[in-house]
Amino acid sequence: MHRLFYDTSCPLCRASIEHVIRRDTGHIFLYAGLDSPLVPPEYRNGDTVVLLEETPEGHRLWVRTRAIFRIYWLLGGAYRLIGWLSYLPGWLLDPVYRLIARHRY
């Protein structure tokens, strides 16, 4: 079971999570706010999404844009067409994410 942490006070974040919930037919995600003690402190500032992926080797942490694309990868099926972007470096993807995060309210 993978853990998905998000800013519960953000309307865009809540709508995005509802979008994922509707597509999570295999119930592979648990959802919680960024204030959860399982979230590393440096990511609790409320301007990001954090995915804690369970792997056979342990946990893998994904943040911001890479987390979003990794969620799609894990949903499988046609969503993997989007999900492969999770393998691109964060420095390439995150500028747009940060711009949206600044203006999401």
PDB file of N, CA and C in Angstrom:
ATOM      1  N   MET A   1       0.854  -1.173   0.000  1.00  0.00           N
ATOM      2  CA  MET A   1       0.000   0.000   0.000  1.00  0.00           C
ATOM      3  C   MET A   1       0.904   1.241   0.000  1.00  0.00           C
ATOM      4  N   HIS A   2       0.662   2.130  -0.932  1.00  0.00           N
ATOM      5  CA  HIS A   2       1.442   3.355  -1.064  1.00  0.00           C
ATOM      6  C   HIS A   2       0.738   4.478  -0.309  1.00  0.00           C
ATOM      7  N   ARG A   3       1.515   5.407   0.239  1.00  0.00           N
ATOM      8  CA  ARG A   3       0.945   6.525   0.993  1.00  0.00           C
ATOM      9  C   ARG A   3       1.097   7.806   0.185  1.00  0.00           C
ATOM     10  N   LEU A   4      -0.006   8.529   0.074  1.00  0.00           N
ATOM     11  CA  LEU A   4      -0.043   9.761  -0.694  1.00  0.00           C
ATOM     12  C   LEU A   4      -0.401  10.899   0.249  1.00  0.00           C
ATOM     13  N   PHE A   5       0.519  11.852   0.394  1.00  0.00           N
ATOM     14  CA  PHE A   5       0.339  12.975   1.304  1.00  0.00           C
ATOM     15  C   PHE A   5       0.147  14.257   0.496  1.00  0.00           C
ATOM     16  N   TYR A   6      -0.796  15.085   0.939  1.00  0.00           N
ATOM     17  CA  TYR A   6      -1.119  16.297   0.188  1.00  0.00           C
ATOM     18  C   TYR A   6      -1.587  17.396   1.142  1.00  0.00           C
ATOM     19  N   ASP A   7      -1.669  18.599   0.620  1.00  0.00           N
ATOM     20  CA  ASP A   7      -2.125  19.761   1.379  1.00  0.00           C
ATOM     21  C   ASP A   7      -3.645  19.718   1.455  1.00  0.00           C
ATOM     22  N   THR A   8      -4.177  19.357   2.603  1.00  0.00           N
ATOM     23  CA  THR A   8      -5.622  19.187   2.754  1.00  0.00           C
ATOM     24  C   THR A   8      -6.388  20.507   2.741  1.00  0.00           C
ATOM     25  N   SER A   9      -5.700  21.630   2.891  1.00  0.00           N
ATOM     26  CA  SER A   9      -6.383  22.925   2.879  1.00  0.00           C
ATOM     27  C   SER A   9      -6.441  23.544   1.477  1.00  0.00           C
ATOM     28  N   CYS A  10      -5.827  22.920   0.514  1.00  0.00           N
ATOM     29  CA  CYS A  10      -5.745  23.447  -0.854  1.00  0.00           C
ATOM     30  C   CYS A  10      -6.860  22.863  -1.717  1.00  0.00           C
ATOM     31  N   PRO A  11      -7.740  23.717  -2.286  1.00  0.00           N
ATOM     32  CA  PRO A  11      -8.818  23.208  -3.140  1.00  0.00           C
ATOM     33  C   PRO A  11      -8.301  22.438  -4.371  1.00  0.00           C
ATOM     34  N   LEU A  12      -7.244  22.918  -4.996  1.00  0.00           N
ATOM     35  CA  LEU A  12      -6.685  22.225  -6.156  1.00  0.00           C
ATOM     36  C   LEU A  12      -6.138  20.856  -5.750  1.00  0.00           C
ATOM     37  N   CYS A  13      -5.477  20.807  -4.610  1.00  0.00           N
ATOM     38  CA  CYS A  13      -4.919  19.538  -4.126  1.00  0.00           C
ATOM     39  C   CYS A  13      -6.031  18.539  -3.817  1.00  0.00           C
ATOM     40  N   ARG A  14      -7.072  19.006  -3.139  1.00  0.00           N
ATOM     41  CA  ARG A  14      -8.197  18.111  -2.819  1.00  0.00           C
ATOM     42  C   ARG A  14      -8.859  17.590  -4.087  1.00  0.00           C
ATOM     43  N   ALA A  15      -9.069  18.464  -5.076  1.00  0.00           N
ATOM     44  CA  ALA A  15      -9.672  18.033  -6.343  1.00  0.00           C
ATOM     45  C   ALA A  15      -8.777  17.012  -7.050  1.00  0.00           C
ATOM     46  N   SER A  16      -7.473  17.221  -6.996  1.00  0.00           N
ATOM     47  CA  SER A  16      -6.533  16.295  -7.622  1.00  0.00           C
ATOM     48  C   SER A  16      -6.577  14.929  -6.943  1.00  0.00           C
ATOM     49  N   ILE A  17      -6.656  14.939  -5.615  1.00  0.00           N
ATOM     50  CA  ILE A  17      -6.713  13.678  -4.876  1.00  0.00           C
ATOM     51  C   ILE A  17      -8.030  12.964  -5.168  1.00  0.00           C
ATOM     52  N   GLU A  18      -9.128  13.705  -5.257  1.00  0.00           N
ATOM     53  CA  GLU A  18     -10.410  13.088  -5.611  1.00  0.00           C
ATOM     54  C   GLU A  18     -10.325  12.438  -6.991  1.00  0.00           C
ATOM     55  N   HIS A  19      -9.603  13.081  -7.905  1.00  0.00           N
ATOM     56  CA  HIS A  19      -9.376  12.523  -9.247  1.00  0.00           C
ATOM     57  C   HIS A  19      -8.646  11.176  -9.135  1.00  0.00           C
ATOM     58  N   VAL A  20      -7.631  11.126  -8.298  1.00  0.00           N
ATOM     59  CA  VAL A  20      -6.868   9.880  -8.111  1.00  0.00           C
ATOM     60  C   VAL A  20      -7.737   8.824  -7.444  1.00  0.00           C
ATOM     61  N   ILE A  21      -8.490   9.209  -6.434  1.00  0.00           N
ATOM     62  CA  ILE A  21      -9.340   8.248  -5.711  1.00  0.00           C
ATOM     63  C   ILE A  21     -10.315   7.566  -6.664  1.00  0.00           C
ATOM     64  N   ARG A  22     -10.912   8.343  -7.567  1.00  0.00           N
ATOM     65  CA  ARG A  22     -11.865   7.766  -8.531  1.00  0.00           C
ATOM     66  C   ARG A  22     -11.191   6.744  -9.451  1.00  0.00           C
ATOM     67  N   ARG A  23      -9.908   6.897  -9.691  1.00  0.00           N
ATOM     68  CA  ARG A  23      -9.192   5.994 -10.589  1.00  0.00           C
ATOM     69  C   ARG A  23      -8.434   4.884  -9.855  1.00  0.00           C
ATOM     70  N   ASP A  24      -8.392   4.984  -8.546  1.00  0.00           N
ATOM     71  CA  ASP A  24      -7.678   4.007  -7.721  1.00  0.00           C
ATOM     72  C   ASP A  24      -8.591   2.817  -7.429  1.00  0.00           C
ATOM     73  N   THR A  25      -8.982   2.122  -8.489  1.00  0.00           N
ATOM     74  CA  THR A  25      -9.921   1.010  -8.333  1.00  0.00           C
ATOM     75  C   THR A  25      -9.306  -0.176  -7.596  1.00  0.00           C
ATOM     76  N   GLY A  26      -7.989  -0.267  -7.601  1.00  0.00           N
ATOM     77  CA  GLY A  26      -7.311  -1.338  -6.875  1.00  0.00           C
ATOM     78  C   GLY A  26      -7.018  -0.990  -5.430  1.00  0.00           C
ATOM     79  N   HIS A  27      -7.394   0.228  -5.022  1.00  0.00           N
ATOM     80  CA  HIS A  27      -7.173   0.703  -3.648  1.00  0.00           C
ATOM     81  C   HIS A  27      -5.715   0.512  -3.222  1.00  0.00           C
ATOM     82  N   ILE A  28      -4.822   1.042  -4.050  1.00  0.00           N
ATOM     83  CA  ILE A  28      -3.393   0.874  -3.777  1.00  0.00           C
ATOM     84  C   ILE A  28      -2.803   2.034  -2.984  1.00  0.00           C
ATOM     85  N   PHE A  29      -3.600   3.088  -2.760  1.00  0.00           N
ATOM     86  CA  PHE A  29      -3.102   4.265  -2.048  1.00  0.00           C
ATOM     87  C   PHE A  29      -3.850   4.480  -0.735  1.00  0.00           C
ATOM     88  N   LEU A  30      -3.105   4.956   0.254  1.00  0.00           N
ATOM     89  CA  LEU A  30      -3.673   5.514   1.476  1.00  0.00           C
ATOM     90  C   LEU A  30      -3.439   7.016   1.385  1.00  0.00           C
ATOM     91  N   TYR A  31      -4.379   7.820   1.853  1.00  0.00           N
ATOM     92  CA  TYR A  31      -4.311   9.267   1.696  1.00  0.00           C
ATOM     93  C   TYR A  31      -4.254   9.939   3.065  1.00  0.00           C
ATOM     94  N   ALA A  32      -3.386  10.956   3.175  1.00  0.00           N
ATOM     95  CA  ALA A  32      -3.254  11.691   4.434  1.00  0.00           C
ATOM     96  C   ALA A  32      -2.723  13.088   4.150  1.00  0.00           C
ATOM     97  N   GLY A  33      -2.908  13.964   5.113  1.00  0.00           N
ATOM     98  CA  GLY A  33      -2.396  15.322   5.004  1.00  0.00           C
ATOM     99  C   GLY A  33      -0.900  15.380   5.211  1.00  0.00           C
ATOM    100  N   LEU A  34      -0.324  16.485   4.782  1.00  0.00           N
ATOM    101  CA  LEU A  34       1.124  16.678   4.926  1.00  0.00           C
ATOM    102  C   LEU A  34       1.563  16.814   6.380  1.00  0.00           C
ATOM    103  N   ASP A  35       0.628  17.012   7.287  1.00  0.00           N
ATOM    104  CA  ASP A  35       0.980  17.131   8.697  1.00  0.00           C
ATOM    105  C   ASP A  35       1.181  15.763   9.363  1.00  0.00           C
ATOM    106  N   SER A  36       1.058  14.699   8.596  1.00  0.00           N
ATOM    107  CA  SER A  36       1.245  13.351   9.127  1.00  0.00           C
ATOM    108  C   SER A  36       2.678  13.164   9.620  1.00  0.00           C
ATOM    109  N   PRO A  37       2.873  12.456  10.734  1.00  0.00           N
ATOM    110  CA  PRO A  37       4.234  12.204  11.229  1.00  0.00           C
ATOM    111  C   PRO A  37       5.063  11.321  10.291  1.00  0.00           C
ATOM    112  N   LEU A  38       4.431  10.662   9.319  1.00  0.00           N
ATOM    113  CA  LEU A  38       5.168   9.832   8.367  1.00  0.00           C
ATOM    114  C   LEU A  38       5.845  10.653   7.275  1.00  0.00           C
ATOM    115  N   VAL A  39       5.474  11.931   7.144  1.00  0.00           N
ATOM    116  CA  VAL A  39       6.059  12.801   6.126  1.00  0.00           C
ATOM    117  C   VAL A  39       7.356  13.397   6.670  1.00  0.00           C
ATOM    118  N   PRO A  40       8.440  13.301   5.909  1.00  0.00           N
ATOM    119  CA  PRO A  40       9.676  13.945   6.368  1.00  0.00           C
ATOM    120  C   PRO A  40       9.439  15.441   6.622  1.00  0.00           C
ATOM    121  N   PRO A  41       9.984  15.995   7.702  1.00  0.00           N
ATOM    122  CA  PRO A  41       9.712  17.390   8.087  1.00  0.00           C
ATOM    123  C   PRO A  41       9.944  18.411   6.980  1.00  0.00           C
ATOM    124  N   GLU A  42      10.926  18.194   6.120  1.00  0.00           N
ATOM    125  CA  GLU A  42      11.214  19.176   5.081  1.00  0.00           C
ATOM    126  C   GLU A  42      10.113  19.266   4.025  1.00  0.00           C
ATOM    127  N   TYR A  43       9.162  18.325   4.037  1.00  0.00           N
ATOM    128  CA  TYR A  43       8.068  18.350   3.059  1.00  0.00           C
ATOM    129  C   TYR A  43       6.732  18.728   3.687  1.00  0.00           C
ATOM    130  N   ARG A  44       6.724  19.124   4.934  1.00  0.00           N
ATOM    131  CA  ARG A  44       5.472  19.453   5.615  1.00  0.00           C
ATOM    132  C   ARG A  44       5.030  20.893   5.420  1.00  0.00           C
ATOM    133  N   ASN A  45       5.661  21.638   4.540  1.00  0.00           N
ATOM    134  CA  ASN A  45       5.356  23.057   4.380  1.00  0.00           C
ATOM    135  C   ASN A  45       4.069  23.322   3.609  1.00  0.00           C
ATOM    136  N   GLY A  46       3.443  22.315   3.059  1.00  0.00           N
ATOM    137  CA  GLY A  46       2.146  22.490   2.428  1.00  0.00           C
ATOM    138  C   GLY A  46       2.173  22.876   0.964  1.00  0.00           C
ATOM    139  N   ASP A  47       3.332  22.986   0.349  1.00  0.00           N
ATOM    140  CA  ASP A  47       3.339  23.374  -1.068  1.00  0.00           C
ATOM    141  C   ASP A  47       3.781  22.233  -1.980  1.00  0.00           C
ATOM    142  N   THR A  48       3.531  21.001  -1.558  1.00  0.00           N
ATOM    143  CA  THR A  48       3.979  19.869  -2.359  1.00  0.00           C
ATOM    144  C   THR A  48       3.054  18.680  -2.176  1.00  0.00           C
ATOM    145  N   VAL A  49       3.270  17.690  -2.980  1.00  0.00           N
ATOM    146  CA  VAL A  49       2.632  16.385  -2.821  1.00  0.00           C
ATOM    147  C   VAL A  49       3.769  15.394  -2.612  1.00  0.00           C
ATOM    148  N   VAL A  50       3.539  14.443  -1.730  1.00  0.00           N
ATOM    149  CA  VAL A  50       4.568  13.458  -1.402  1.00  0.00           C
ATOM    150  C   VAL A  50       3.968  12.068  -1.567  1.00  0.00           C
ATOM    151  N   LEU A  51       4.665  11.219  -2.279  1.00  0.00           N
ATOM    152  CA  LEU A  51       4.272   9.828  -2.441  1.00  0.00           C
ATOM    153  C   LEU A  51       5.324   8.963  -1.779  1.00  0.00           C
ATOM    154  N   LEU A  52       4.902   8.145  -0.832  1.00  0.00           N
ATOM    155  CA  LEU A  52       5.775   7.179  -0.196  1.00  0.00           C
ATOM    156  C   LEU A  52       5.407   5.818  -0.781  1.00  0.00           C
ATOM    157  N   GLU A  53       6.223   5.374  -1.727  1.00  0.00           N
ATOM    158  CA  GLU A  53       5.933   4.144  -2.458  1.00  0.00           C
ATOM    159  C   GLU A  53       6.542   2.947  -1.741  1.00  0.00           C
ATOM    160  N   GLU A  54       5.736   1.927  -1.567  1.00  0.00           N
ATOM    161  CA  GLU A  54       6.218   0.667  -0.999  1.00  0.00           C
ATOM    162  C   GLU A  54       6.842  -0.145  -2.125  1.00  0.00           C
ATOM    163  N   THR A  55       8.076  -0.579  -1.937  1.00  0.00           N
ATOM    164  CA  THR A  55       8.747  -1.421  -2.923  1.00  0.00           C
ATOM    165  C   THR A  55       9.273  -2.661  -2.204  1.00  0.00           C
ATOM    166  N   PRO A  56       9.630  -3.691  -2.938  1.00  0.00           N
ATOM    167  CA  PRO A  56      10.213  -4.870  -2.282  1.00  0.00           C
ATOM    168  C   PRO A  56      11.482  -4.541  -1.499  1.00  0.00           C
ATOM    169  N   GLU A  57      12.184  -3.488  -1.914  1.00  0.00           N
ATOM    170  CA  GLU A  57      13.423  -3.098  -1.240  1.00  0.00           C
ATOM    171  C   GLU A  57      13.181  -2.171  -0.056  1.00  0.00           C
ATOM    172  N   GLY A  58      11.974  -1.694   0.132  1.00  0.00           N
ATOM    173  CA  GLY A  58      11.661  -0.750   1.206  1.00  0.00           C
ATOM    174  C   GLY A  58      10.759   0.360   0.694  1.00  0.00           C
ATOM    175  N   HIS A  59      11.036   1.581   1.116  1.00  0.00           N
ATOM    176  CA  HIS A  59      10.238   2.729   0.696  1.00  0.00           C
ATOM    177  C   HIS A  59      11.012   3.583  -0.297  1.00  0.00           C
ATOM    178  N   ARG A  60      10.260   4.213  -1.190  1.00  0.00           N
ATOM    179  CA  ARG A  60      10.858   5.178  -2.104  1.00  0.00           C
ATOM    180  C   ARG A  60      10.016   6.448  -2.027  1.00  0.00           C
ATOM    181  N   LEU A  61      10.682   7.578  -1.895  1.00  0.00           N
ATOM    182  CA  LEU A  61      10.006   8.859  -1.729  1.00  0.00           C
ATOM    183  C   LEU A  61       9.999   9.621  -3.051  1.00  0.00           C
ATOM    184  N   TRP A  62       8.823  10.086  -3.446  1.00  0.00           N
ATOM    185  CA  TRP A  62       8.642  10.895  -4.649  1.00  0.00           C
ATOM    186  C   TRP A  62       7.984  12.196  -4.228  1.00  0.00           C
ATOM    187  N   VAL A  63       8.424  13.324  -4.763  1.00  0.00           N
ATOM    188  CA  VAL A  63       7.835  14.621  -4.413  1.00  0.00           C
ATOM    189  C   VAL A  63       7.524  15.435  -5.668  1.00  0.00           C
ATOM    190  N   ARG A  64       6.603  16.374  -5.491  1.00  0.00           N
ATOM    191  CA  ARG A  64       6.191  17.317  -6.516  1.00  0.00           C
ATOM    192  C   ARG A  64       5.797  16.617  -7.820  1.00  0.00           C
ATOM    193  N   THR A  65       6.306  17.099  -8.925  1.00  0.00           N
ATOM    194  CA  THR A  65       5.900  16.610 -10.244  1.00  0.00           C
ATOM    195  C   THR A  65       6.197  15.129 -10.420  1.00  0.00           C
ATOM    196  N   ARG A  66       7.326  14.700  -9.935  1.00  0.00           N
ATOM    197  CA  ARG A  66       7.677  13.284 -10.088  1.00  0.00           C
ATOM    198  C   ARG A  66       6.704  12.399  -9.317  1.00  0.00           C
ATOM    199  N   ALA A  67       6.204  12.879  -8.165  1.00  0.00           N
ATOM    200  CA  ALA A  67       5.198  12.130  -7.409  1.00  0.00           C
ATOM    201  C   ALA A  67       3.908  12.010  -8.213  1.00  0.00           C
ATOM    202  N   ILE A  68       3.493  13.105  -8.822  1.00  0.00           N
ATOM    203  CA  ILE A  68       2.256  13.089  -9.610  1.00  0.00           C
ATOM    204  C   ILE A  68       2.360  12.069 -10.744  1.00  0.00           C
ATOM    205  N   PHE A  69       3.459  12.126 -11.481  1.00  0.00           N
ATOM    206  CA  PHE A  69       3.610  11.189 -12.593  1.00  0.00           C
ATOM    207  C   PHE A  69       3.773   9.755 -12.099  1.00  0.00           C
ATOM    208  N   ARG A  70       4.407   9.576 -10.950  1.00  0.00           N
ATOM    209  CA  ARG A  70       4.567   8.222 -10.400  1.00  0.00           C
ATOM    210  C   ARG A  70       3.220   7.646  -9.980  1.00  0.00           C
ATOM    211  N   ILE A  71       2.332   8.487  -9.475  1.00  0.00           N
ATOM    212  CA  ILE A  71       0.980   8.045  -9.124  1.00  0.00           C
ATOM    213  C   ILE A  71       0.308   7.450 -10.359  1.00  0.00           C
ATOM    214  N   TYR A  72       0.414   8.158 -11.482  1.00  0.00           N
ATOM    215  CA  TYR A  72      -0.175   7.640 -12.721  1.00  0.00           C
ATOM    216  C   TYR A  72       0.481   6.329 -13.141  1.00  0.00           C
ATOM    217  N   TRP A  73       1.790   6.240 -12.979  1.00  0.00           N
ATOM    218  CA  TRP A  73       2.487   4.992 -13.304  1.00  0.00           C
ATOM    219  C   TRP A  73       1.926   3.835 -12.470  1.00  0.00           C
ATOM    220  N   LEU A  74       1.733   4.073 -11.180  1.00  0.00           N
ATOM    221  CA  LEU A  74       1.237   3.031 -10.285  1.00  0.00           C
ATOM    222  C   LEU A  74      -0.221   2.677 -10.545  1.00  0.00           C
ATOM    223  N   LEU A  75      -1.006   3.632 -11.047  1.00  0.00           N
ATOM    224  CA  LEU A  75      -2.395   3.333 -11.391  1.00  0.00           C
ATOM    225  C   LEU A  75      -2.467   2.333 -12.540  1.00  0.00           C
ATOM    226  N   GLY A  76      -1.447   2.324 -13.378  1.00  0.00           N
ATOM    227  CA  GLY A  76      -1.350   1.333 -14.441  1.00  0.00           C
ATOM    228  C   GLY A  76      -2.245   1.620 -15.635  1.00  0.00           C
ATOM    229  N   GLY A  77      -2.354   0.645 -16.496  1.00  0.00           N
ATOM    230  CA  GLY A  77      -3.161   0.769 -17.707  1.00  0.00           C
ATOM    231  C   GLY A  77      -2.676   1.913 -18.583  1.00  0.00           C
ATOM    232  N   ALA A  78      -3.625   2.617 -19.174  1.00  0.00           N
ATOM    233  CA  ALA A  78      -3.299   3.729 -20.064  1.00  0.00           C
ATOM    234  C   ALA A  78      -2.601   4.869 -19.324  1.00  0.00           C
ATOM    235  N   TYR A  79      -2.760   4.942 -17.998  1.00  0.00           N
ATOM    236  CA  TYR A  79      -2.115   6.011 -17.219  1.00  0.00           C
ATOM    237  C   TYR A  79      -0.593   5.901 -17.254  1.00  0.00           C
ATOM    238  N   ARG A  80      -0.079   4.743 -17.579  1.00  0.00           N
ATOM    239  CA  ARG A  80       1.379   4.591 -17.666  1.00  0.00           C
ATOM    240  C   ARG A  80       1.976   5.435 -18.783  1.00  0.00           C
ATOM    241  N   LEU A  81       1.145   5.789 -19.761  1.00  0.00           N
ATOM    242  CA  LEU A  81       1.631   6.674 -20.831  1.00  0.00           C
ATOM    243  C   LEU A  81       2.060   8.021 -20.264  1.00  0.00           C
ATOM    244  N   ILE A  82       1.385   8.473 -19.220  1.00  0.00           N
ATOM    245  CA  ILE A  82       1.754   9.699 -18.519  1.00  0.00           C
ATOM    246  C   ILE A  82       2.820   9.393 -17.465  1.00  0.00           C
ATOM    247  N   GLY A  83       2.661   8.263 -16.799  1.00  0.00           N
ATOM    248  CA  GLY A  83       3.515   7.905 -15.677  1.00  0.00           C
ATOM    249  C   GLY A  83       4.986   7.759 -15.991  1.00  0.00           C
ATOM    250  N   TRP A  84       5.346   7.440 -17.213  1.00  0.00           N
ATOM    251  CA  TRP A  84       6.770   7.278 -17.540  1.00  0.00           C
ATOM    252  C   TRP A  84       7.530   8.577 -17.297  1.00  0.00           C
ATOM    253  N   LEU A  85       6.812   9.735 -17.284  1.00  0.00           N
ATOM    254  CA  LEU A  85       7.477  11.013 -17.041  1.00  0.00           C
ATOM    255  C   LEU A  85       8.097  11.098 -15.644  1.00  0.00           C
ATOM    256  N   SER A  86       7.697  10.211 -14.741  1.00  0.00           N
ATOM    257  CA  SER A  86       8.257  10.220 -13.385  1.00  0.00           C
ATOM    258  C   SER A  86       9.750   9.911 -13.391  1.00  0.00           C
ATOM    259  N   TYR A  87      10.241   9.361 -14.472  1.00  0.00           N
ATOM    260  CA  TYR A  87      11.655   9.032 -14.558  1.00  0.00           C
ATOM    261  C   TYR A  87      12.518  10.197 -15.037  1.00  0.00           C
ATOM    262  N   LEU A  88      11.873  11.298 -15.440  1.00  0.00           N
ATOM    263  CA  LEU A  88      12.631  12.503 -15.801  1.00  0.00           C
ATOM    264  C   LEU A  88      13.096  13.203 -14.533  1.00  0.00           C
ATOM    265  N   PRO A  89      14.186  13.950 -14.585  1.00  0.00           N
ATOM    266  CA  PRO A  89      14.689  14.615 -13.375  1.00  0.00           C
ATOM    267  C   PRO A  89      13.737  15.715 -12.889  1.00  0.00           C
ATOM    268  N   GLY A  90      13.659  15.849 -11.568  1.00  0.00           N
ATOM    269  CA  GLY A  90      12.796  16.843 -10.956  1.00  0.00           C
ATOM    270  C   GLY A  90      13.129  18.270 -11.360  1.00  0.00           C
ATOM    271  N   TRP A  91      14.408  18.574 -11.540  1.00  0.00           N
ATOM    272  CA  TRP A  91      14.794  19.949 -11.893  1.00  0.00           C
ATOM    273  C   TRP A  91      14.192  20.351 -13.241  1.00  0.00           C
ATOM    274  N   LEU A  92      13.900  19.370 -14.078  1.00  0.00           N
ATOM    275  CA  LEU A  92      13.309  19.649 -15.378  1.00  0.00           C
ATOM    276  C   LEU A  92      11.797  19.870 -15.270  1.00  0.00           C
ATOM    277  N   LEU A  93      11.164  19.155 -14.366  1.00  0.00           N
ATOM    278  CA  LEU A  93       9.707  19.168 -14.258  1.00  0.00           C
ATOM    279  C   LEU A  93       9.161  20.137 -13.223  1.00  0.00           C
ATOM    280  N   ASP A  94       9.892  20.381 -12.158  1.00  0.00           N
ATOM    281  CA  ASP A  94       9.351  21.106 -11.012  1.00  0.00           C
ATOM    282  C   ASP A  94       9.104  22.607 -11.195  1.00  0.00           C
ATOM    283  N   PRO A  95       9.757  23.323 -12.101  1.00  0.00           N
ATOM    284  CA  PRO A  95       9.461  24.751 -12.227  1.00  0.00           C
ATOM    285  C   PRO A  95       7.981  25.053 -12.493  1.00  0.00           C
ATOM    286  N   VAL A  96       7.348  24.281 -13.352  1.00  0.00           N
ATOM    287  CA  VAL A  96       5.922  24.490 -13.623  1.00  0.00           C
ATOM    288  C   VAL A  96       5.102  24.143 -12.376  1.00  0.00           C
ATOM    289  N   TYR A  97       5.470  23.071 -11.704  1.00  0.00           N
ATOM    290  CA  TYR A  97       4.773  22.676 -10.481  1.00  0.00           C
ATOM    291  C   TYR A  97       4.841  23.799  -9.440  1.00  0.00           C
ATOM    292  N   ARG A  98       6.018  24.359  -9.242  1.00  0.00           N
ATOM    293  CA  ARG A  98       6.201  25.418  -8.248  1.00  0.00           C
ATOM    294  C   ARG A  98       5.399  26.670  -8.614  1.00  0.00           C
ATOM    295  N   LEU A  99       5.307  26.972  -9.890  1.00  0.00           N
ATOM    296  CA  LEU A  99       4.507  28.118 -10.334  1.00  0.00           C
ATOM    297  C   LEU A  99       3.032  27.898 -10.004  1.00  0.00           C
ATOM    298  N   ILE A 100       2.528  26.725 -10.290  1.00  0.00           N
ATOM    299  CA  ILE A 100       1.128  26.407  -9.963  1.00  0.00           C
ATOM    300  C   ILE A 100       0.927  26.404  -8.457  1.00  0.00           C
ATOM    301  N   ALA A 101       1.860  25.855  -7.707  1.00  0.00           N
ATOM    302  CA  ALA A 101       1.741  25.788  -6.250  1.00  0.00           C
ATOM    303  C   ALA A 101       1.669  27.196  -5.624  1.00  0.00           C
ATOM    304  N   ARG A 102       2.404  28.131  -6.194  1.00  0.00           N
ATOM    305  CA  ARG A 102       2.375  29.504  -5.669  1.00  0.00           C
ATOM    306  C   ARG A 102       1.031  30.174  -5.866  1.00  0.00           C
ATOM    307  N   HIS A 103       0.300  29.778  -6.911  1.00  0.00           N
ATOM    308  CA  HIS A 103      -0.948  30.467  -7.276  1.00  0.00           C
ATOM    309  C   HIS A 103      -2.177  29.567  -7.134  1.00  0.00           C
ATOM    310  N   ARG A 104      -2.088  28.491  -6.393  1.00  0.00           N
ATOM    311  CA  ARG A 104      -3.174  27.526  -6.339  1.00  0.00           C
ATOM    312  C   ARG A 104      -4.382  27.965  -5.523  1.00  0.00           C
ATOM    313  N   TYR A 105      -4.235  28.964  -4.665  1.00  0.00           N
ATOM    314  CA  TYR A 105      -5.370  29.418  -3.868  1.00  0.00           C
ATOM    315  C   TYR A 105      -6.110  30.494  -4.621  1.00  0.00           C
TER     316      TYR A 105
END
